[in-house]
Amino acid sequence: MLCQKCNKAVATYHQLDLEDGTWVQRHVCEQCALGVELAPPPAKALGSIGKILIEATVEPRVDPEDEFSCPGCSMSYSTFRKQRRLGCQRCYETFHSDLVQIFRRVQEHTNHRGKVPGRPNATPPAPLELERLRSNLQRAIEEERFEDAALYRDKMRRLTDDTERT
């Protein structure tokens, strides 16, 4: 592909931009790339991610009368915002509503869904499997299918016992 500016050299720099709702492609050679601004301004390049990061770093204005602090360590909300760290376990309860808003801006979920720490080769019981078995057990008891209920109960025990043994 030839350079769109000089139509002589091979285009080695390629850029795809969204301008006024349409995609615009630019293909230029190395010499022409020095004279053409290929990269958009950083704020435009970052888009909504940049806006979220900028908003997360801007300190909200808090009136001293509205200021509240953790009963466990006496850390104020403004101190937490400055340090970006909580002082103790009770801070999570004290600043819960604010933390949820911060987590939602930065990530999809407000609860941890990552790896579960544990011993090597230990697999925790699948919470969804246990919940499914528990609801099946409850339904079997309500419908007076006690043989099925016993099977569900035994499966639940096996799941939890296997985890405790490893």
Foldseek 3Di string as FASTA:
>chain_A
DAAPPPRPDFFPDWDWDQDPNDIDIGTHHPVVCVVDPRDDPPCRVCDLVVVLVVVLLDDDDDDPVRWDAFPPPRHIPSNCSVVVDDDDPSVCVVCVVVLQVNCVSPDPDSDDDDDDDDDPPADAQDPVLLVVLVVVLVVCVVVVVVVSNVVSVVVNCVRHVSRVVD
